[in-house]
Amino acid sequence: MKQYTLNRKTYKDVKRMDHQQMDAFCKNLYKAGHADGMKDAEGLTENEVREVILGVKGIGPKKAEDIVNALTAAQKERS
């Protein structure tokens, strides 16, 4: 996780901003944080999930494929 550090120049720039400039600054800061959070929250790929499921005793290739398909469908519905 990256940490945001406020340097002296940015601090002075923020102090001089009007309402519109501060609004734009905050939106950009939020978007950058959101993008970093989404990147950190990425999960396993379908192939990685399939390999993990196949490692479970009693689950064969057919059942593993059914599980992966169900997870993929649920992920698409969520988006």
N, C-alpha and C. Protein backbone atom coordinates (compact mmCIF):
# COMPACT_ATOMS: atom_id res chain seq x y z
N MET A 1 0.84 -1.16 0.00
CA MET A 1 0.00 0.00 0.00
C MET A 1 0.90 1.24 0.00
N LYS A 2 0.61 2.14 -0.93
CA LYS A 2 1.35 3.39 -0.98
C LYS A 2 0.80 4.35 0.08
N GLN A 3 1.70 5.15 0.62
CA GLN A 3 1.26 6.15 1.57
C GLN A 3 1.43 7.53 0.95
N TYR A 4 0.43 8.37 1.12
CA TYR A 4 0.48 9.72 0.58
C TYR A 4 1.19 10.62 1.58
N THR A 5 2.19 11.34 1.11
CA THR A 5 2.87 12.29 1.98
C THR A 5 2.70 13.68 1.38
N LEU A 6 2.33 14.59 2.20
CA LEU A 6 2.11 15.96 1.77
C LEU A 6 3.43 16.71 1.88
N ASN A 7 3.93 17.17 0.72
CA ASN A 7 5.18 17.93 0.76
C ASN A 7 4.88 19.42 0.93
N ARG A 8 5.91 20.19 1.14
CA ARG A 8 5.77 21.63 1.44
C ARG A 8 5.11 22.38 0.29
N LYS A 9 5.50 22.05 -0.96
CA LYS A 9 4.95 22.75 -2.13
C LYS A 9 3.45 22.50 -2.25
N THR A 10 3.03 21.25 -2.11
CA THR A 10 1.61 20.92 -2.20
C THR A 10 0.83 21.60 -1.08
N TYR A 11 1.40 21.62 0.11
CA TYR A 11 0.75 22.27 1.24
C TYR A 11 0.51 23.75 0.94
N LYS A 12 1.51 24.43 0.42
CA LYS A 12 1.35 25.84 0.09
C LYS A 12 0.32 26.04 -1.03
N ASP A 13 0.35 25.14 -2.02
CA ASP A 13 -0.62 25.24 -3.11
C ASP A 13 -2.05 25.06 -2.60
N VAL A 14 -2.24 24.13 -1.70
CA VAL A 14 -3.57 23.88 -1.13
C VAL A 14 -4.05 25.09 -0.34
N LYS A 15 -3.16 25.72 0.39
CA LYS A 15 -3.55 26.90 1.17
C LYS A 15 -4.05 28.04 0.29
N ARG A 16 -3.55 28.11 -0.94
CA ARG A 16 -3.92 29.21 -1.84
C ARG A 16 -5.13 28.88 -2.74
N MET A 17 -5.64 27.66 -2.65
CA MET A 17 -6.71 27.25 -3.56
C MET A 17 -8.05 27.88 -3.20
N ASP A 18 -8.84 28.15 -4.25
CA ASP A 18 -10.21 28.57 -4.02
C ASP A 18 -11.08 27.31 -3.95
N HIS A 19 -12.36 27.51 -3.79
CA HIS A 19 -13.28 26.37 -3.61
C HIS A 19 -13.23 25.40 -4.79
N GLN A 20 -13.27 25.90 -6.01
CA GLN A 20 -13.29 25.05 -7.20
C GLN A 20 -11.98 24.26 -7.34
N GLN A 21 -10.86 24.91 -7.10
CA GLN A 21 -9.56 24.23 -7.19
C GLN A 21 -9.43 23.15 -6.11
N MET A 22 -9.90 23.45 -4.91
CA MET A 22 -9.84 22.47 -3.82
C MET A 22 -10.73 21.28 -4.11
N ASP A 23 -11.90 21.54 -4.70
CA ASP A 23 -12.80 20.46 -5.09
C ASP A 23 -12.12 19.55 -6.11
N ALA A 24 -11.49 20.11 -7.12
CA ALA A 24 -10.79 19.33 -8.14
C ALA A 24 -9.63 18.55 -7.52
N PHE A 25 -8.89 19.17 -6.61
CA PHE A 25 -7.77 18.51 -5.94
C PHE A 25 -8.26 17.29 -5.15
N CYS A 26 -9.34 17.46 -4.41
CA CYS A 26 -9.89 16.37 -3.61
C CYS A 26 -10.41 15.23 -4.49
N LYS A 27 -11.06 15.58 -5.59
CA LYS A 27 -11.55 14.55 -6.51
C LYS A 27 -10.40 13.74 -7.09
N ASN A 28 -9.33 14.42 -7.50
CA ASN A 28 -8.16 13.71 -8.05
C ASN A 28 -7.51 12.82 -7.00
N LEU A 29 -7.41 13.31 -5.77
CA LEU A 29 -6.82 12.53 -4.69
C LEU A 29 -7.68 11.30 -4.41
N TYR A 30 -9.00 11.47 -4.41
CA TYR A 30 -9.91 10.34 -4.19
C TYR A 30 -9.79 9.31 -5.31
N LYS A 31 -9.76 9.78 -6.57
CA LYS A 31 -9.64 8.86 -7.70
C LYS A 31 -8.35 8.07 -7.64
N ALA A 32 -7.26 8.72 -7.28
CA ALA A 32 -5.97 8.02 -7.18
C ALA A 32 -6.03 6.97 -6.07
N GLY A 33 -6.62 7.32 -4.94
CA GLY A 33 -6.75 6.36 -3.85
C GLY A 33 -7.67 5.20 -4.21
N HIS A 34 -8.74 5.50 -4.90
CA HIS A 34 -9.67 4.44 -5.32
C HIS A 34 -8.98 3.48 -6.29
N ALA A 35 -8.24 4.02 -7.25
CA ALA A 35 -7.54 3.18 -8.22
C ALA A 35 -6.51 2.28 -7.52
N ASP A 36 -5.79 2.83 -6.56
CA ASP A 36 -4.82 2.02 -5.80
C ASP A 36 -5.53 0.93 -5.01
N GLY A 37 -6.66 1.26 -4.42
CA GLY A 37 -7.42 0.28 -3.65
C GLY A 37 -7.97 -0.84 -4.53
N MET A 38 -8.44 -0.50 -5.70
CA MET A 38 -8.94 -1.52 -6.62
C MET A 38 -7.82 -2.45 -7.06
N LYS A 39 -6.64 -1.88 -7.29
CA LYS A 39 -5.51 -2.70 -7.71
C LYS A 39 -5.10 -3.65 -6.58
N ASP A 40 -5.13 -3.18 -5.35
CA ASP A 40 -4.77 -4.00 -4.20
C ASP A 40 -5.81 -5.08 -3.92
N ALA A 41 -7.04 -4.86 -4.33
CA ALA A 41 -8.13 -5.79 -4.04
C ALA A 41 -8.33 -6.87 -5.10
N GLU A 42 -7.50 -6.88 -6.11
CA GLU A 42 -7.66 -7.88 -7.16
C GLU A 42 -7.52 -9.28 -6.56
N GLY A 43 -8.33 -10.20 -7.06
CA GLY A 43 -8.34 -11.57 -6.53
C GLY A 43 -7.60 -12.54 -7.43
N LEU A 44 -7.91 -13.79 -7.26
CA LEU A 44 -7.30 -14.85 -8.04
C LEU A 44 -7.90 -14.92 -9.44
N THR A 45 -7.12 -15.39 -10.40
CA THR A 45 -7.63 -15.60 -11.75
C THR A 45 -8.43 -16.90 -11.78
N GLU A 46 -9.15 -17.11 -12.87
CA GLU A 46 -9.95 -18.34 -13.00
C GLU A 46 -9.06 -19.58 -12.93
N ASN A 47 -7.92 -19.53 -13.59
CA ASN A 47 -7.02 -20.69 -13.58
C ASN A 47 -6.47 -20.97 -12.18
N GLU A 48 -6.15 -19.92 -11.44
CA GLU A 48 -5.66 -20.10 -10.08
C GLU A 48 -6.75 -20.71 -9.19
N VAL A 49 -7.98 -20.25 -9.35
CA VAL A 49 -9.10 -20.81 -8.57
C VAL A 49 -9.30 -22.27 -8.93
N ARG A 50 -9.24 -22.58 -10.21
CA ARG A 50 -9.43 -23.96 -10.68
C ARG A 50 -8.36 -24.87 -10.07
N GLU A 51 -7.10 -24.42 -10.05
CA GLU A 51 -6.01 -25.23 -9.49
C GLU A 51 -6.21 -25.48 -8.00
N VAL A 52 -6.65 -24.46 -7.28
CA VAL A 52 -6.88 -24.62 -5.84
C VAL A 52 -8.01 -25.60 -5.60
N ILE A 53 -9.08 -25.47 -6.36
CA ILE A 53 -10.24 -26.36 -6.18
C ILE A 53 -9.86 -27.80 -6.52
N LEU A 54 -9.08 -27.99 -7.57
CA LEU A 54 -8.67 -29.35 -7.93
C LEU A 54 -7.77 -29.98 -6.87
N GLY A 55 -7.16 -29.17 -6.03
CA GLY A 55 -6.33 -29.68 -4.94
C GLY A 55 -7.13 -30.23 -3.78
N VAL A 56 -8.44 -29.98 -3.78
CA VAL A 56 -9.30 -30.47 -2.70
C VAL A 56 -9.70 -31.91 -3.00
N LYS A 57 -9.48 -32.79 -2.03
CA LYS A 57 -9.80 -34.20 -2.20
C LYS A 57 -11.30 -34.38 -2.44
N GLY A 58 -11.65 -35.16 -3.46
CA GLY A 58 -13.04 -35.45 -3.75
C GLY A 58 -13.65 -34.56 -4.83
N ILE A 59 -12.92 -33.56 -5.31
CA ILE A 59 -13.44 -32.69 -6.37
C ILE A 59 -12.64 -32.96 -7.64
N GLY A 60 -13.37 -33.39 -8.67
CA GLY A 60 -12.74 -33.69 -9.94
C GLY A 60 -12.82 -32.52 -10.91
N PRO A 61 -12.32 -32.72 -12.11
CA PRO A 61 -12.29 -31.64 -13.11
C PRO A 61 -13.68 -31.10 -13.46
N LYS A 62 -14.68 -31.95 -13.57
CA LYS A 62 -16.03 -31.50 -13.94
C LYS A 62 -16.63 -30.61 -12.85
N LYS A 63 -16.54 -31.06 -11.62
CA LYS A 63 -17.11 -30.29 -10.51
C LYS A 63 -16.32 -28.99 -10.32
N ALA A 64 -15.00 -29.03 -10.50
CA ALA A 64 -14.18 -27.82 -10.39
C ALA A 64 -14.59 -26.82 -11.46
N GLU A 65 -14.85 -27.28 -12.67
CA GLU A 65 -15.27 -26.39 -13.76
C GLU A 65 -16.63 -25.77 -13.45
N ASP A 66 -17.56 -26.56 -12.87
CA ASP A 66 -18.86 -26.03 -12.48
C ASP A 66 -18.72 -24.93 -11.42
N ILE A 67 -17.84 -25.14 -10.46
CA ILE A 67 -17.62 -24.15 -9.40
C ILE A 67 -17.03 -22.88 -9.99
N VAL A 68 -16.03 -23.02 -10.86
CA VAL A 68 -15.40 -21.85 -11.48
C VAL A 68 -16.41 -21.08 -12.31
N ASN A 69 -17.26 -21.78 -13.05
CA ASN A 69 -18.29 -21.11 -13.86
C ASN A 69 -19.29 -20.36 -12.97
N ALA A 70 -19.66 -20.95 -11.85
CA ALA A 70 -20.59 -20.29 -10.93
C ALA A 70 -19.95 -19.04 -10.32
N LEU A 71 -18.68 -19.13 -9.95
CA LEU A 71 -17.98 -17.97 -9.40
C LEU A 71 -17.84 -16.86 -10.45
N THR A 72 -17.54 -17.23 -11.68
CA THR A 72 -17.39 -16.25 -12.76
C THR A 72 -18.72 -15.54 -13.01
N ALA A 73 -19.82 -16.29 -13.04
CA ALA A 73 -21.15 -15.70 -13.24
C ALA A 73 -21.50 -14.75 -12.10
N ALA A 74 -21.19 -15.14 -10.87
CA ALA A 74 -21.48 -14.28 -9.73
C ALA A 74 -20.66 -12.99 -9.79
N GLN A 75 -19.41 -13.10 -10.23
CA GLN A 75 -18.57 -11.91 -10.35
C GLN A 75 -19.09 -10.96 -11.43
N LYS A 76 -19.57 -11.50 -12.53
CA LYS A 76 -20.13 -10.67 -13.61
C LYS A 76 -21.40 -9.97 -13.14
N GLU A 77 -22.24 -10.64 -12.37
CA GLU A 77 -23.47 -10.04 -11.85
C GLU A 77 -23.15 -8.90 -10.90
N ARG A 78 -22.09 -9.04 -10.16
CA ARG A 78 -21.69 -8.04 -9.18
C ARG A 78 -21.18 -6.77 -9.85
N SER A 79 -20.56 -6.91 -11.00
CA SER A 79 -19.98 -5.75 -11.69
C SER A 79 -20.99 -4.90 -12.36
